[in-house]
Amino acid sequence: MNQKRVWIWLGWIGMGLVVAAGCGQKGPQTYPVSGTVTFDGQPIPEGRISFVPEDGKAAPDSAPIVQGKFQFQVKAGRHRVEIVADRPTGKVDPVMGMAPRESYIPACYNSQTILRAEVTPQGPNQFTFELKSQGQSRP
């Protein structure tokens, strides 16, 4: 084998090792989480749910809520759960081409949340959040 082919071969092996090293799992282990979110007895049409680690040592995990359901990966441990959603408030603004929107979920479920959840490696990590417009909930 000539020297040029050896260098090409070694280059391909080196690139393969770099790619393989980059394919490993990065960061903390996550686990499947799923559930439902209702507001005054009705599924939230669309919104966002975040699991914020209570120890503050990791970034929150977040996902969309669609037709009252969510499913995503979350780090294990105790979490504050924050839920946000908005809806149109009235007529379409001719300049913007859409209706203004309002956040309708009370602060006790997002910025000042009372909701908690514990995610465990064993699972099943299925949660139901029943939100009320008066700020009373059954987490």
Protein backbone atom coordinates (compact mmCIF):
# COMPACT_ATOMS: atom_id res chain seq x y z
CA MET A 1 0.00 0.00 0.00
CA ASN A 2 1.44 3.36 -0.88
CA GLN A 3 1.86 6.12 1.67
CA LYS A 4 -0.98 8.26 0.26
CA ARG A 5 -3.49 5.41 0.69
CA VAL A 6 -2.30 4.81 4.25
CA TRP A 7 -2.91 8.46 5.14
CA ILE A 8 -6.37 8.40 3.53
CA TRP A 9 -7.21 5.19 5.41
CA LEU A 10 -6.00 6.64 8.71
CA GLY A 11 -8.00 9.82 8.03
CA TRP A 12 -11.21 7.82 7.58
CA ILE A 13 -10.54 5.85 10.76
CA GLY A 14 -9.90 9.10 12.66
CA MET A 15 -13.13 10.68 11.37
CA GLY A 16 -15.06 7.55 12.36
CA LEU A 17 -13.70 7.75 15.90
CA VAL A 18 -14.61 11.45 16.17
CA VAL A 19 -18.15 10.80 14.95
CA ALA A 20 -18.57 7.81 17.28
CA ALA A 21 -17.33 9.83 20.26
CA GLY A 22 -19.85 12.58 19.48
CA CYS A 23 -22.80 10.17 19.43
CA GLY A 24 -22.75 9.40 23.14
CA GLN A 25 -25.39 10.69 25.50
CA LYS A 26 -24.74 14.20 26.75
CA GLY A 27 -26.12 15.68 29.94
CA PRO A 28 -28.35 14.10 32.57
CA GLN A 29 -30.49 11.03 31.86
CA THR A 30 -34.12 11.81 30.98
CA TYR A 31 -37.27 9.71 31.29
CA PRO A 32 -40.63 9.66 29.45
CA VAL A 33 -43.34 11.83 30.96
CA SER A 34 -46.93 12.16 29.75
CA GLY A 35 -50.28 13.38 30.91
CA THR A 36 -53.26 15.65 30.57
CA VAL A 37 -54.04 19.27 31.39
CA THR A 38 -57.56 20.63 31.76
CA PHE A 39 -58.75 24.15 32.56
CA ASP A 40 -62.17 24.40 34.20
CA GLY A 41 -62.87 20.83 33.10
CA GLN A 42 -61.91 21.29 29.44
CA PRO A 43 -58.67 20.15 27.75
CA ILE A 44 -56.31 23.05 27.06
CA PRO A 45 -56.35 23.36 23.24
CA GLU A 46 -52.72 24.48 23.06
CA GLY A 47 -50.16 25.65 25.56
CA ARG A 48 -46.79 24.80 27.05
CA ILE A 49 -45.73 22.80 30.10
CA SER A 50 -42.36 23.05 31.84
CA PHE A 51 -40.85 20.82 34.51
CA VAL A 52 -38.40 22.98 36.48
CA PRO A 53 -36.01 21.05 38.77
CA GLU A 54 -36.57 22.19 42.37
CA ASP A 55 -32.86 21.93 43.18
CA GLY A 56 -32.06 24.50 40.46
CA LYS A 57 -29.09 22.43 39.25
CA ALA A 58 -30.41 21.78 35.74
CA ALA A 59 -32.34 23.57 33.03
CA PRO A 60 -36.10 23.07 32.78
CA ASP A 61 -37.59 20.53 30.36
CA SER A 62 -40.49 21.86 28.33
CA ALA A 63 -42.96 20.69 25.68
CA PRO A 64 -46.17 21.75 23.95
CA ILE A 65 -49.62 20.84 25.20
CA VAL A 66 -51.90 19.81 22.32
CA GLN A 67 -55.59 19.10 22.88
CA GLY A 68 -54.93 18.76 26.61
CA LYS A 69 -52.11 16.21 26.25
CA PHE A 70 -48.34 16.31 26.61
CA GLN A 71 -45.52 13.81 26.20
CA PHE A 72 -41.76 14.41 26.41
CA GLN A 73 -38.51 13.54 28.21
CA VAL A 74 -37.70 14.98 31.67
CA LYS A 75 -34.81 14.65 34.11
CA ALA A 76 -35.52 12.61 37.28
CA GLY A 77 -36.31 14.39 40.54
CA ARG A 78 -38.80 16.80 42.10
CA HIS A 79 -40.04 19.57 39.83
CA ARG A 80 -42.12 22.72 39.90
CA VAL A 81 -44.59 22.45 37.02
CA GLU A 82 -45.41 25.60 35.05
CA ILE A 83 -48.26 25.72 32.54
CA VAL A 84 -48.97 28.59 30.16
CA ALA A 85 -51.58 29.11 27.44
CA ASP A 86 -53.12 32.02 25.61
CA ARG A 87 -56.20 32.64 23.46
CA PRO A 88 -57.58 35.33 21.15
CA THR A 89 -59.30 38.22 22.95
CA GLY A 90 -61.46 39.78 20.29
CA LYS A 91 -61.66 41.13 16.78
CA VAL A 92 -58.85 40.83 14.27
CA ASP A 93 -56.54 43.86 14.24
CA PRO A 94 -56.41 44.97 10.56
CA VAL A 95 -52.79 46.15 10.89
CA MET A 96 -51.50 42.98 12.55
CA GLY A 97 -53.81 40.61 10.67
CA MET A 98 -54.70 38.67 13.83
CA ALA A 99 -56.64 39.02 17.05
CA PRO A 100 -54.77 40.13 20.18
CA ARG A 101 -54.09 37.27 22.60
CA GLU A 102 -54.30 36.98 26.38
CA SER A 103 -52.71 34.60 28.82
CA TYR A 104 -55.60 33.01 30.69
CA ILE A 105 -53.91 30.53 33.01
CA PRO A 106 -53.65 31.99 36.57
CA ALA A 107 -50.16 32.76 37.92
CA CYS A 108 -50.53 30.02 40.55
CA TYR A 109 -49.96 27.54 37.69
CA ASN A 110 -46.99 29.29 36.03
CA SER A 111 -44.90 32.18 37.42
CA GLN A 112 -46.09 31.45 41.00
CA THR A 113 -46.89 27.78 40.50
CA ILE A 114 -48.27 25.54 43.21
CA LEU A 115 -47.95 22.48 40.95
CA ARG A 116 -45.33 19.81 41.74
CA ALA A 117 -44.36 16.49 40.19
CA GLU A 118 -41.74 13.86 40.90
CA VAL A 119 -40.19 12.09 37.92
CA THR A 120 -38.66 8.69 38.69
CA PRO A 121 -36.54 6.34 36.57
CA GLN A 122 -39.03 3.53 37.32
CA GLY A 123 -41.99 5.55 35.97
CA PRO A 124 -44.78 5.50 35.01
CA ASN A 125 -44.48 9.34 35.23
CA GLN A 126 -48.05 10.02 34.10
CA PHE A 127 -49.57 13.21 35.46
CA THR A 128 -52.99 14.87 35.42
CA PHE A 129 -53.24 18.60 36.08
CA GLU A 130 -56.77 19.95 36.65
CA LEU A 131 -56.50 23.74 36.61
CA LYS A 132 -59.28 26.07 37.73
CA SER A 133 -59.89 29.71 36.80
CA GLN A 134 -60.19 30.51 40.50
CA GLY A 135 -56.67 29.19 41.09
CA GLN A 136 -57.60 25.98 42.89
CA SER A 137 -56.13 22.83 41.50
CA ARG A 138 -55.68 19.16 41.98
CA PRO A 139 -52.10 18.43 40.87
